[in-house]
Protein backbone atom coordinates (compact mmCIF):
# COMPACT_ATOMS: atom_id res chain seq x y z
CA UNK A 1 80.56 106.55 170.39
CA UNK A 2 80.32 110.20 170.49
CA UNK A 3 82.14 110.61 167.25
CA UNK A 4 79.74 108.19 165.46
CA UNK A 5 76.59 109.72 166.76
CA UNK A 6 77.42 113.17 165.33
CA UNK A 7 78.57 111.33 162.21
CA UNK A 8 74.95 110.05 162.08
CA UNK A 9 73.14 113.23 163.52
CA UNK A 10 75.13 114.96 160.59
CA UNK A 11 74.08 112.52 157.53
CA UNK A 12 70.57 112.61 159.24
CA UNK A 13 70.58 116.25 159.32
CA UNK A 14 71.71 116.83 155.78
CA UNK A 15 69.42 114.27 154.57
CA UNK A 16 66.27 116.10 156.35
CA UNK A 17 67.39 119.42 155.08
CA UNK A 18 67.22 118.02 151.17
CA UNK A 19 63.81 116.53 151.76
CA UNK A 20 62.72 119.72 153.39
CA UNK A 21 63.70 121.73 150.33
CA UNK A 22 61.42 119.40 148.29
CA UNK A 23 58.41 119.28 150.74
CA UNK A 24 58.55 123.05 150.23
CA UNK A 25 58.54 122.64 146.53
CA UNK A 26 55.84 119.94 146.48
CA UNK A 27 53.63 121.51 148.89
CA UNK A 28 54.48 124.96 149.64
CA UNK A 29 52.67 127.39 152.55
CA UNK A 30 49.02 127.76 151.34
CA UNK A 31 47.36 131.07 150.57
CA UNK A 32 44.59 131.68 148.85
CA UNK A 33 44.48 130.53 145.76
CA UNK A 34 44.78 132.35 142.51
CA UNK A 35 42.34 132.12 139.85
CA UNK A 36 42.70 130.26 137.01
CA UNK A 37 43.59 131.32 133.92
CA UNK A 38 41.33 131.56 131.04
CA UNK A 39 41.29 132.96 127.40
CA UNK A 40 38.70 135.24 129.11
CA UNK A 41 41.46 136.58 131.87
CA UNK A 42 44.26 136.76 128.76
CA UNK A 43 45.81 140.30 128.52
CA UNK A 44 43.42 141.71 131.16
CA UNK A 45 44.16 144.46 133.62
CA UNK A 46 44.77 142.99 137.02
CA UNK A 47 43.28 144.88 139.33
CA UNK A 48 43.00 148.46 140.30
CA UNK A 49 45.51 150.41 141.08
CA UNK A 50 44.50 150.95 144.84
CA UNK A 51 41.96 148.49 145.01
CA UNK A 52 41.57 146.25 148.30
CA UNK A 53 44.69 148.33 149.73
CA UNK A 54 44.12 150.78 152.76
CA UNK A 55 43.54 154.37 151.99
CA UNK A 56 46.54 156.54 152.20
CA UNK A 57 44.59 159.40 151.50
CA UNK A 58 41.54 160.97 149.59
CA UNK A 59 43.76 162.73 147.23
CA UNK A 60 45.79 159.51 146.87
CA UNK A 61 43.05 157.53 146.14
CA UNK A 62 41.31 160.04 143.58
CA UNK A 63 44.27 160.23 141.56
CA UNK A 64 45.27 156.25 141.38
CA UNK A 65 41.48 155.41 140.71
CA UNK A 66 41.08 157.52 138.00
CA UNK A 67 43.63 155.39 136.15
CA UNK A 68 41.22 152.14 136.86
CA UNK A 69 38.69 153.54 134.70
CA UNK A 70 37.21 150.62 132.36
CA UNK A 71 40.43 148.83 133.55
CA UNK A 72 38.28 145.23 133.80
CA UNK A 73 39.57 144.29 130.35
CA UNK A 74 42.83 145.23 128.42
CA UNK A 75 42.89 146.12 124.76
CA UNK A 76 43.60 144.17 121.70
CA UNK A 77 47.28 144.73 120.94
CA UNK A 78 47.59 148.07 119.15
CA UNK A 79 50.76 147.18 117.27
CA UNK A 80 54.39 146.42 118.43
CA UNK A 81 57.45 147.78 118.66
CA UNK A 82 60.64 145.57 118.70
CA UNK A 83 63.70 146.83 120.18
CA UNK A 84 67.15 145.20 119.98
CA UNK A 85 70.11 145.86 121.96
CA UNK A 86 73.31 143.63 122.98
CA UNK A 87 71.44 142.46 126.04
CA UNK A 88 67.90 142.71 125.02
CA UNK A 89 65.14 141.67 122.53
CA UNK A 90 62.03 143.95 123.76
CA UNK A 91 58.45 143.63 121.91
CA UNK A 92 56.50 146.79 123.19
CA UNK A 93 52.73 147.14 123.13
CA UNK A 94 51.45 150.37 121.16
CA UNK A 95 48.80 150.06 123.23
CA UNK A 96 50.00 150.92 126.94
CA UNK A 97 53.43 151.38 125.70
CA UNK A 98 54.21 148.42 127.55
CA UNK A 99 56.75 145.78 127.93
CA UNK A 100 55.35 142.33 126.44
CA UNK A 101 58.36 140.50 125.69
CA UNK A 102 61.93 140.28 126.98
CA UNK A 103 64.36 138.07 126.06
CA UNK A 104 67.78 138.09 127.69
CA UNK A 105 70.16 137.37 124.57
CA UNK A 106 73.12 136.20 127.18
CA UNK A 107 70.92 133.46 128.63
CA UNK A 108 69.41 130.75 127.02
CA UNK A 109 66.28 128.97 128.38
CA UNK A 110 68.06 125.61 128.59
CA UNK A 111 71.50 124.62 127.94
CA UNK A 112 70.45 121.80 125.01
CA UNK A 113 69.00 125.04 123.16
CA UNK A 114 71.64 127.76 123.06
CA UNK A 115 69.61 129.37 120.90
CA UNK A 116 66.38 129.62 122.50
CA UNK A 117 67.13 132.99 124.26
CA UNK A 118 65.20 133.00 127.92
CA UNK A 119 61.74 134.95 127.75
CA UNK A 120 61.66 136.43 131.17
CA UNK A 121 58.82 138.90 130.27
CA UNK A 122 56.13 137.41 127.87
CA UNK A 123 52.76 138.21 127.65
CA UNK A 124 52.07 133.82 126.73
CA UNK A 125 50.77 131.09 129.46
CA UNK A 126 52.05 129.49 131.48
CA UNK A 127 54.94 132.23 131.49
CA UNK A 128 52.77 135.17 131.65
CA UNK A 129 54.76 138.06 133.23
CA UNK A 130 54.50 141.85 132.01
CA UNK A 131 55.22 145.12 132.72
CA UNK A 132 51.76 148.19 132.69
CA UNK A 133 52.90 151.63 132.88
CA UNK A 134 51.57 154.85 132.51
CA UNK A 135 50.60 158.19 134.13
CA UNK A 136 46.78 158.70 136.43
CA UNK A 137 44.71 161.61 136.98
CA UNK A 138 42.05 162.57 138.80
CA UNK A 139 40.49 165.21 136.94
CA UNK A 140 41.02 164.49 133.44
CA UNK A 141 42.40 161.76 130.97
CA UNK A 142 45.80 161.07 131.39
CA UNK A 143 47.76 157.90 129.11
CA UNK A 144 47.77 155.13 130.93
CA UNK A 145 48.49 151.08 130.28
CA UNK A 146 45.55 150.84 127.63
CA UNK A 147 45.91 154.30 125.96
CA UNK A 148 46.79 153.94 122.12
CA UNK A 149 50.38 155.81 121.68
CA UNK A 150 52.29 156.03 117.96
CA UNK A 151 55.60 155.49 117.16
CA UNK A 152 58.03 156.51 114.19
CA UNK A 153 59.36 153.12 113.63
CA UNK A 154 58.50 149.27 113.98
CA UNK A 155 61.78 148.56 115.21
CA UNK A 156 64.70 149.83 117.19
CA UNK A 157 68.49 148.52 116.92
CA UNK A 158 71.58 149.80 118.92
CA UNK A 159 73.95 150.69 116.62
CA UNK A 160 77.36 149.61 116.55
CA UNK A 161 79.73 152.15 118.06
CA UNK A 162 76.73 153.70 120.12
CA UNK A 163 76.38 153.33 123.95
CA UNK A 164 72.54 154.15 124.32
CA UNK A 165 68.88 153.78 122.45
CA UNK A 166 66.02 155.81 122.97
CA UNK A 167 63.03 154.63 121.96
CA UNK A 168 59.90 157.27 122.04
CA UNK A 169 56.26 156.89 121.64
CA UNK A 170 53.83 159.39 121.33
CA UNK A 171 50.30 159.95 123.07
CA UNK A 172 47.85 163.62 122.64
CA UNK A 173 44.45 164.32 123.31
CA UNK A 174 42.11 167.39 121.87
CA UNK A 175 42.72 169.19 125.43
CA UNK A 176 45.83 170.52 124.72
CA UNK A 177 47.68 167.80 126.64
CA UNK A 178 50.40 165.84 124.96
CA UNK A 179 53.25 162.91 126.19
CA UNK A 180 56.16 161.69 125.48
CA UNK A 181 57.23 158.01 126.76
CA UNK A 182 60.86 157.61 126.26
CA UNK A 183 62.84 154.21 127.17
CA UNK A 184 66.35 154.47 127.65
CA UNK A 185 68.56 151.85 126.76
CA UNK A 186 72.17 151.58 127.56
CA UNK A 187 75.05 148.98 126.04
CA UNK A 188 75.53 146.03 128.43
CA UNK A 189 73.30 146.83 130.45
CA UNK A 190 69.86 145.36 132.25
CA UNK A 191 68.99 148.84 133.69
CA UNK A 192 66.36 150.79 131.39
CA UNK A 193 65.25 154.56 132.04
CA UNK A 194 61.59 155.42 131.67
CA UNK A 195 60.57 159.06 130.93
CA UNK A 196 57.61 160.48 130.61
CA UNK A 197 57.91 164.38 129.12
CA UNK A 198 54.06 165.67 129.98
CA UNK A 199 53.35 169.12 128.31
CA UNK A 200 50.07 171.08 128.72
CA UNK A 201 49.03 173.31 126.34
CA UNK A 202 45.44 173.55 127.62
CA UNK A 203 44.12 176.37 129.87
CA UNK A 204 43.56 174.52 133.55
CA UNK A 205 46.60 173.05 135.43
CA UNK A 206 47.31 169.21 134.48
CA UNK A 207 47.60 167.19 137.91
CA UNK A 208 49.19 163.62 137.08
CA UNK A 209 51.16 160.79 139.03
CA UNK A 210 53.30 157.93 137.05
CA UNK A 211 52.46 154.32 137.91
CA UNK A 212 54.39 150.95 136.86
CA UNK A 213 53.49 147.42 137.66
CA UNK A 214 55.03 143.92 137.32
CA UNK A 215 52.03 141.67 136.86
CA UNK A 216 52.56 137.52 136.38
CA UNK A 217 51.94 133.96 137.10
CA UNK A 218 54.13 131.68 139.51
CA UNK A 219 55.77 130.17 136.35
CA UNK A 220 59.40 130.06 136.53
CA UNK A 221 60.93 130.25 132.98
CA UNK A 222 64.15 127.97 132.56
CA UNK A 223 62.93 125.39 135.18
CA UNK A 224 65.11 124.25 137.96
CA UNK A 225 66.73 120.69 138.88
CA UNK A 226 65.07 118.79 141.51
CA UNK A 227 65.22 119.42 145.14
CA UNK A 228 66.23 122.95 144.50
CA UNK A 229 63.58 125.00 146.38
CA UNK A 230 64.08 128.94 145.31
CA UNK A 231 62.08 131.99 146.30
CA UNK A 232 59.56 133.02 144.08
CA UNK A 233 57.95 136.51 145.53
CA UNK A 234 58.03 140.29 145.64
CA UNK A 235 60.60 141.80 147.30
CA UNK A 236 60.40 145.53 148.95
CA UNK A 237 63.03 147.95 150.33
CA UNK A 238 61.16 149.12 152.90
CA UNK A 239 62.02 152.00 155.44
CA UNK A 240 61.20 151.46 158.84
CA UNK A 241 59.90 154.14 161.43
CA UNK A 242 63.88 154.75 162.39
CA UNK A 243 64.36 155.80 158.79
CA UNK A 244 66.69 152.84 157.85
CA UNK A 245 65.49 150.48 154.93
CA UNK A 246 65.53 146.92 155.39
CA UNK A 247 65.06 143.97 152.29
CA UNK A 248 61.97 142.11 152.65
CA UNK A 249 60.61 139.63 151.08
CA UNK A 250 57.00 138.34 150.50
CA UNK A 251 56.36 134.96 149.17
CA UNK A 252 53.58 135.31 146.20
CA UNK A 253 50.88 132.87 147.65
CA UNK A 254 51.40 134.77 151.09
CA UNK A 255 49.94 138.04 149.25
CA UNK A 256 46.27 137.22 150.07
CA UNK A 257 46.58 137.13 153.60
CA UNK A 258 49.55 140.00 153.70
CA UNK A 259 49.28 142.51 151.04
CA UNK A 260 52.05 144.90 150.58
CA UNK A 261 50.79 148.80 151.35
CA UNK A 262 53.50 151.34 152.10
CA UNK A 263 54.53 155.13 151.46
CA UNK A 264 57.88 156.27 151.76
CA UNK A 265 60.36 158.08 150.57
CA UNK A 266 62.47 156.11 148.40
CA UNK A 267 63.23 152.13 148.17
CA UNK A 268 61.91 149.80 145.37
CA UNK A 269 60.29 147.40 144.76
CA UNK A 270 60.76 144.06 142.71
CA UNK A 271 59.68 140.58 141.65
CA UNK A 272 62.29 137.87 142.59
CA UNK A 273 62.44 134.14 140.85
CA UNK A 274 65.64 132.41 141.04
CA UNK A 275 68.66 133.80 139.25
CA UNK A 276 66.88 136.97 137.81
CA UNK A 277 64.69 139.94 138.93
CA UNK A 278 62.82 142.92 137.52
CA UNK A 279 62.66 146.00 139.83
CA UNK A 280 60.75 149.04 140.15
CA UNK A 281 63.29 152.06 140.75
CA UNK A 282 62.04 155.32 141.13
CA UNK A 283 63.71 158.48 141.87
CA UNK A 284 65.26 158.42 145.83
CA UNK A 285 64.08 161.96 146.92
CA UNK A 286 60.54 161.24 146.44
CA UNK A 287 57.95 160.23 147.96
CA UNK A 288 56.44 156.77 146.62
CA UNK A 289 54.18 154.19 147.13
CA UNK A 290 54.49 150.72 146.64
CA UNK A 291 51.95 147.67 146.51
CA UNK A 292 51.59 143.47 146.16
CA UNK A 293 48.84 141.39 146.16
CA UNK A 294 47.30 138.88 144.21
CA UNK A 295 45.79 139.66 141.05
CA UNK A 296 41.70 139.40 141.02
CA UNK A 297 42.02 137.30 137.55
CA UNK A 298 45.48 135.30 137.68
CA UNK A 299 48.70 135.72 139.39
CA UNK A 300 50.03 138.57 141.13
CA UNK A 301 51.71 141.89 141.11
CA UNK A 302 53.54 144.64 142.58
CA UNK A 303 53.26 148.02 141.76
CA UNK A 304 54.83 151.68 142.05
CA UNK A 305 52.83 155.33 142.00
CA UNK A 306 54.97 158.48 141.97
CA UNK A 307 53.86 161.58 143.46
CA UNK A 308 51.38 164.14 142.17
CA UNK A 309 52.86 166.73 139.80
CA UNK A 310 51.11 169.86 138.32
CA UNK A 311 51.98 170.79 135.22
CA UNK A 312 50.90 174.63 134.95
CA UNK A 313 49.12 175.66 131.38
CA UNK A 314 52.10 176.27 128.66
CA UNK A 315 54.71 174.41 131.22
CA UNK A 316 56.25 171.07 131.09
CA UNK A 317 57.07 168.38 133.54
CA UNK A 318 59.69 165.35 133.40
CA UNK A 319 58.85 162.26 135.53
CA UNK A 320 61.33 159.54 135.52
CA UNK A 321 61.67 156.24 137.07
CA UNK A 322 64.36 153.21 136.08
CA UNK A 323 63.57 149.66 135.84
CA UNK A 324 66.05 146.51 136.19
CA UNK A 325 65.13 143.40 134.29
CA UNK A 326 67.65 140.70 133.83
CA UNK A 327 70.12 138.61 135.89
CA UNK A 328 70.88 138.74 139.78
CA UNK A 329 74.76 139.77 138.96
CA UNK A 330 76.31 140.07 142.31
CA UNK A 331 79.27 142.61 141.06
CA UNK A 332 77.09 145.31 139.60
CA UNK A 333 73.50 145.37 141.38
CA UNK A 334 74.82 147.41 144.51
CA UNK A 335 75.90 149.84 141.69
CA UNK A 336 72.44 150.07 140.32
CA UNK A 337 70.37 151.27 143.62
CA UNK A 338 71.18 150.58 147.31
CA UNK A 339 70.15 147.48 148.52
CA UNK A 340 69.36 145.58 145.15
CA UNK A 341 72.58 143.20 145.86
CA UNK A 342 70.36 141.77 148.95
CA UNK A 343 67.62 140.23 146.25
CA UNK A 344 70.96 137.57 145.85
CA UNK A 345 69.66 136.09 148.93
CA UNK A 346 71.89 134.06 151.58
CA UNK A 347 69.83 134.00 154.23
CA UNK A 348 71.16 134.25 158.01
CA UNK A 349 74.63 132.89 156.64
CA UNK A 350 74.98 135.84 154.28
CA UNK A 351 77.88 137.13 156.61
CA UNK A 352 79.71 134.21 155.49
CA UNK A 353 78.31 133.40 151.77
CA UNK A 354 79.07 136.93 150.68
CA UNK A 355 83.11 136.36 151.36
CA UNK A 356 83.06 132.87 149.76
CA UNK A 357 81.70 134.00 146.58
CA UNK A 358 84.47 136.88 146.37
CA UNK A 359 86.66 134.66 146.92
CA UNK A 360 84.84 132.02 144.27
CA UNK A 361 85.07 134.70 141.86
CA UNK A 362 88.50 135.75 142.59
CA UNK A 363 89.50 132.39 141.65
CA UNK A 364 87.46 132.50 138.24
CA UNK A 365 88.85 135.41 136.88
CA UNK A 366 92.26 133.43 137.00
CA UNK A 367 91.36 130.07 135.63
CA UNK A 368 88.08 131.24 133.65
CA UNK A 369 86.29 127.83 134.66
CA UNK A 370 84.00 127.86 137.19
CA UNK A 371 84.23 124.27 137.74
CA UNK A 372 87.75 124.69 138.63
CA UNK A 373 87.24 127.90 141.14
CA UNK A 374 84.69 125.49 143.45
CA UNK A 375 87.81 123.06 143.20
CA UNK A 376 90.15 125.74 143.89
CA UNK A 377 87.66 127.42 146.54
CA UNK A 378 87.18 123.71 148.39
CA UNK A 379 91.01 123.15 148.37
CA UNK A 380 91.43 126.51 150.01
CA UNK A 381 88.48 125.90 152.56
CA UNK A 382 89.85 122.29 153.87
CA UNK A 383 93.21 124.05 154.17
CA UNK A 384 91.84 126.68 156.14
CA UNK A 385 90.24 124.46 158.54
CA UNK A 386 92.99 121.81 158.71
CA UNK A 387 93.96 121.79 162.01
CA UNK A 388 90.62 121.82 163.47
CA UNK A 389 90.51 118.77 160.72
CA UNK A 390 93.36 116.98 162.28
CA UNK A 391 91.62 117.38 165.84
CA UNK A 392 88.86 115.23 164.39
CA UNK A 393 90.90 112.86 162.42
CA UNK A 394 93.61 112.45 165.55
CA UNK A 395 90.50 111.75 167.91
CA UNK A 396 89.11 109.20 165.28
CA UNK A 397 92.42 107.33 164.73
CA UNK A 398 92.60 107.03 168.94
CA UNK A 399 88.94 105.84 169.10
CA UNK A 400 90.03 103.03 166.16
CA UNK A 401 93.24 102.12 168.11
CA UNK A 402 90.87 101.61 171.54
CA UNK A 403 88.11 100.42 169.89
CA UNK A 404 88.59 96.90 170.61
CA UNK A 405 88.74 97.56 174.37
CA UNK A 406 85.74 99.63 174.18
CA UNK A 407 83.94 96.88 172.61
CA UNK A 408 85.12 94.57 175.61
CA UNK A 409 83.48 96.78 177.84
CA UNK A 410 80.44 97.18 175.62
CA UNK A 411 80.28 93.19 176.09
CA UNK A 412 81.63 93.04 180.08
CA UNK A 413 78.28 95.68 180.69
CA UNK A 414 76.05 94.97 178.17
CA UNK A 415 73.33 94.74 180.89
CA UNK A 416 74.66 97.65 182.89
CA UNK A 417 74.53 101.05 180.88
CA UNK A 418 75.70 103.06 183.99
CA UNK A 419 78.95 101.03 184.64
CA UNK A 420 79.61 100.90 180.97
CA UNK A 421 79.55 104.35 180.68
CA UNK A 422 81.47 104.88 184.07
CA UNK A 423 84.41 102.56 182.54
CA UNK A 424 84.30 104.05 178.86
CA UNK A 425 85.18 107.43 180.84
CA UNK A 426 87.54 106.10 183.21
CA UNK A 427 88.96 104.49 179.84
CA UNK A 428 89.21 107.93 178.12
CA UNK A 429 90.95 109.53 181.33
CA UNK A 430 93.38 106.98 181.84
CA UNK A 431 94.35 107.24 177.99
CA UNK A 432 94.33 110.97 177.76
CA UNK A 433 92.10 111.84 174.72
CA UNK A 434 88.78 112.97 174.57
CA UNK A 435 86.04 111.39 171.78
CA UNK A 436 84.57 114.54 172.19
CA UNK A 437 87.55 116.51 170.21
CA UNK A 438 86.57 114.84 166.85
CA UNK A 439 82.73 116.65 167.57
CA UNK A 440 83.17 120.35 167.12
CA UNK A 441 85.82 120.61 164.33
CA UNK A 442 82.79 119.09 162.28
CA UNK A 443 80.59 121.40 164.03
CA UNK A 444 82.35 124.71 163.54
CA UNK A 445 83.07 123.57 159.63
CA UNK A 446 79.18 122.62 159.22
CA UNK A 447 77.95 126.07 158.80
CA UNK A 448 80.85 126.84 156.18
CA UNK A 449 79.45 124.18 154.29
CA UNK A 450 76.02 125.75 154.04
CA UNK A 451 77.14 128.93 153.34
CA UNK A 452 78.94 127.51 150.31
CA UNK A 453 75.80 125.87 149.50
CA UNK A 454 73.95 128.71 149.36
CA UNK A 455 76.38 130.21 147.16
CA UNK A 456 76.75 127.74 144.32
CA UNK A 457 72.89 127.89 144.45
CA UNK A 458 72.13 131.13 144.07
CA UNK A 459 74.91 132.42 141.83
CA UNK A 460 73.71 133.24 138.18
CA UNK A 461 77.36 133.35 137.16
CA UNK A 462 77.31 129.86 137.89
CA UNK A 463 74.06 129.07 135.52
CA UNK A 464 74.83 126.75 132.69
CA UNK A 465 78.58 126.90 133.34
CA UNK A 466 80.88 124.66 131.83
CA UNK A 467 83.01 122.14 133.81
CA UNK A 468 84.74 119.84 131.67
CA UNK A 469 84.34 116.49 129.41
CA UNK A 470 80.63 115.32 129.90
CA UNK A 471 80.15 118.40 132.83
CA UNK A 472 78.86 120.94 130.64
CA UNK A 473 76.06 122.63 133.16
CA UNK A 474 77.00 123.15 136.73
CA UNK A 475 73.35 124.41 137.46
CA UNK A 476 71.96 120.99 136.53
CA UNK A 477 72.28 117.53 137.57
CA UNK A 478 75.32 115.07 136.00
CA UNK A 479 73.58 113.39 132.91
CA UNK A 480 75.08 110.28 133.60
CA UNK A 481 75.53 110.13 137.70
CA UNK A 482 79.50 109.82 137.93
CA UNK A 483 80.43 112.38 139.95
CA UNK A 484 77.35 111.31 142.40
CA UNK A 485 78.69 107.42 142.43
CA UNK A 486 82.30 109.05 142.75
CA UNK A 487 81.08 111.02 145.88
CA UNK A 488 79.38 107.59 147.42
CA UNK A 489 82.12 106.02 147.19
CA UNK A 490 84.66 108.63 148.86
CA UNK A 491 82.00 108.74 151.61
CA UNK A 492 82.33 105.08 151.69
CA UNK A 493 86.06 104.83 152.02
CA UNK A 494 86.13 107.80 154.57
CA UNK A 495 84.03 105.52 156.98
CA UNK A 496 86.28 102.57 156.07
CA UNK A 497 89.23 104.96 156.86
CA UNK A 498 87.97 106.10 160.09
CA UNK A 499 86.78 102.76 161.73
CA UNK A 500 84.43 104.11 163.77
CA UNK A 501 82.12 101.06 162.86
CA UNK A 502 83.92 98.73 164.95
CA UNK A 503 82.42 100.78 167.91
CA UNK A 504 79.20 100.70 166.32
CA UNK A 505 76.21 98.51 167.38
CA UNK A 506 74.84 96.28 164.60
CA UNK A 507 71.96 98.83 163.78
CA UNK A 508 74.52 101.88 163.61
CA UNK A 509 76.34 99.86 161.35
CA UNK A 510 73.44 99.04 159.00
CA UNK A 511 72.22 103.27 159.26
CA UNK A 512 76.33 104.09 158.10
CA UNK A 513 76.47 101.68 155.48
CA UNK A 514 73.03 103.29 153.99
CA UNK A 515 73.94 106.76 153.83
CA UNK A 516 76.30 106.89 151.31
CA UNK A 517 74.02 105.28 149.00
CA UNK A 518 71.13 107.22 149.98
CA UNK A 519 73.35 110.34 149.71
CA UNK A 520 74.40 109.46 146.07
CA UNK A 521 70.69 108.84 145.43
CA UNK A 522 69.85 112.36 146.57
CA UNK A 523 73.04 113.46 144.97
CA UNK A 524 71.65 112.17 141.69
CA UNK A 525 69.30 115.21 140.89
CA UNK A 526 71.74 117.90 142.63
CA UNK A 527 73.22 120.61 140.73
CA UNK A 528 76.57 118.80 139.89
CA UNK A 529 78.58 122.23 140.62
CA UNK A 530 77.56 121.10 144.88
CA UNK A 531 78.43 117.64 143.85
CA UNK A 532 81.79 118.95 143.12
CA UNK A 533 82.23 120.46 145.96
CA UNK A 534 81.49 117.37 148.15
CA UNK A 535 83.37 114.88 146.10
CA UNK A 536 86.58 116.95 146.35
CA UNK A 537 85.64 117.97 149.83
CA UNK A 538 85.72 114.39 150.70
CA UNK A 539 88.78 113.17 148.59
CA UNK A 540 90.77 115.91 150.67
CA UNK A 541 89.33 114.69 153.79
CA UNK A 542 90.46 110.86 152.64
CA UNK A 543 94.06 112.21 152.00
CA UNK A 544 94.40 114.19 155.28
CA UNK A 545 92.64 111.49 157.37
CA UNK A 546 95.67 109.10 156.10
CA UNK A 547 98.56 111.18 156.41
CA UNK A 548 97.20 112.20 159.63
CA UNK A 549 96.69 108.53 161.22
CA UNK A 550 100.15 107.59 159.67
CA UNK A 551 101.53 110.63 161.41
CA UNK A 552 99.83 109.79 164.99
CA UNK A 553 101.28 106.03 164.29
CA UNK A 554 104.61 107.62 163.65
CA UNK A 555 104.54 109.84 167.15
CA UNK A 556 103.25 106.47 169.13
CA UNK A 557 106.15 104.67 167.74
CA UNK A 558 108.74 106.99 168.69
CA UNK A 559 107.46 107.23 172.16
CA UNK A 560 109.55 105.33 175.02
CA UNK A 561 107.54 101.94 175.82
CA UNK A 562 105.95 101.70 179.58
């Protein structure tokens, strides 16, 4: 009976977990509504750099607010420069020298359209996501995200045999100030260096600060399968009072109530979505300011403002900042910046999920196929838990053996629950078995299952990955529903093999019979990579259960009859 209840509770927990995921997707926590998009607001600056943010000092407000003069409306396009590397196709608007579109060339938006690359950044609705950057000065004009730059070329391409590509943009004024804004792209890298070279040929000190802003709508390009709820919002690598850094996430629709305003040495800020991120990575030794909040026009934003730099007459200064725009490839994120690997967020089960992915990635190196890597990882997990499974299946087998006697007790004491419980305990004690022995192994394995669920859900390495035959996208549902149906059949066979129904009440039997059907329907909309794990786990479980039951029968037959 206890095993039966645990199975029912576990199945119910899974169903509730899946329903909760979908509920969160359809009815997320409500913050202040973002203003609706309109043609009048398309392309406009979102808000002042320090607007609605607590003051961080008069000097900080003065220098930042200078960038906001006239920022209520953005200029028309000042012409575009196209940059092509082995991983990017980027459009830079000369009005501001900003990124207005970034295509990730190794990532199609949909598996069915391999030539249509994912537009991670884009200045068209509904996928509005751009980068603003510039300099601010509290005393004079400085080139901000509205300033017109010039470029010597209309297109740049990473040449064969070259490891990097420099894209310089130029600005100058009549006061003797000039700025060269250089983007540096590297081969096989999603990291982009932004360097301002500031020259002061004027007759007075020029004080400037760099800033970078991400501004987007909550649209997720590329789509997601049903019943998958992933994070969309801002992440900050934040320094606590004790000097240690912590990774903190902020849902986009909560920023109205809880905006972010930080001043600290080091750290970074990023915008996260399923599989991809865009991060601002300022120099770790500098004192930087980070903000995140809703836009006054539409969408939400996060931004960085660097420290003030004084450039004396006749002097030059260099102001660097790095960007990362691309996939959450787990093997490389930690090399880009401290803590950036935490953007692949497995939640509370990270200590279990990270080793699981490490093993999965090692298996993939051997097989070259993520589907077979999932199969072999499932075999390893089931093998590691074999002893626990053996205890579970032995308990089930003994319960099945004594099912007629348990049923007889139920019929005899149908109106006396206390006497029924006492008689069953006496039976367990006399025959020397504990029905709870089958519960604990299942409970121990459950966190591993949830951890693997997050590994398969969060890993961009599995996005649109092939398996075999008709399964050519492990991150989308099975198009022909074959694996979900096979999973339902395997779950049904497990129930029949366990014989648990023999000790159930009629209502419990009906619930158990519905569970395979209900989960089959849920899994029909799940990424097929998850269904592969569940189905293979069930098949191995059936084989283990059959073997352990036969082994127990042989042991019982070998005992001398009393």
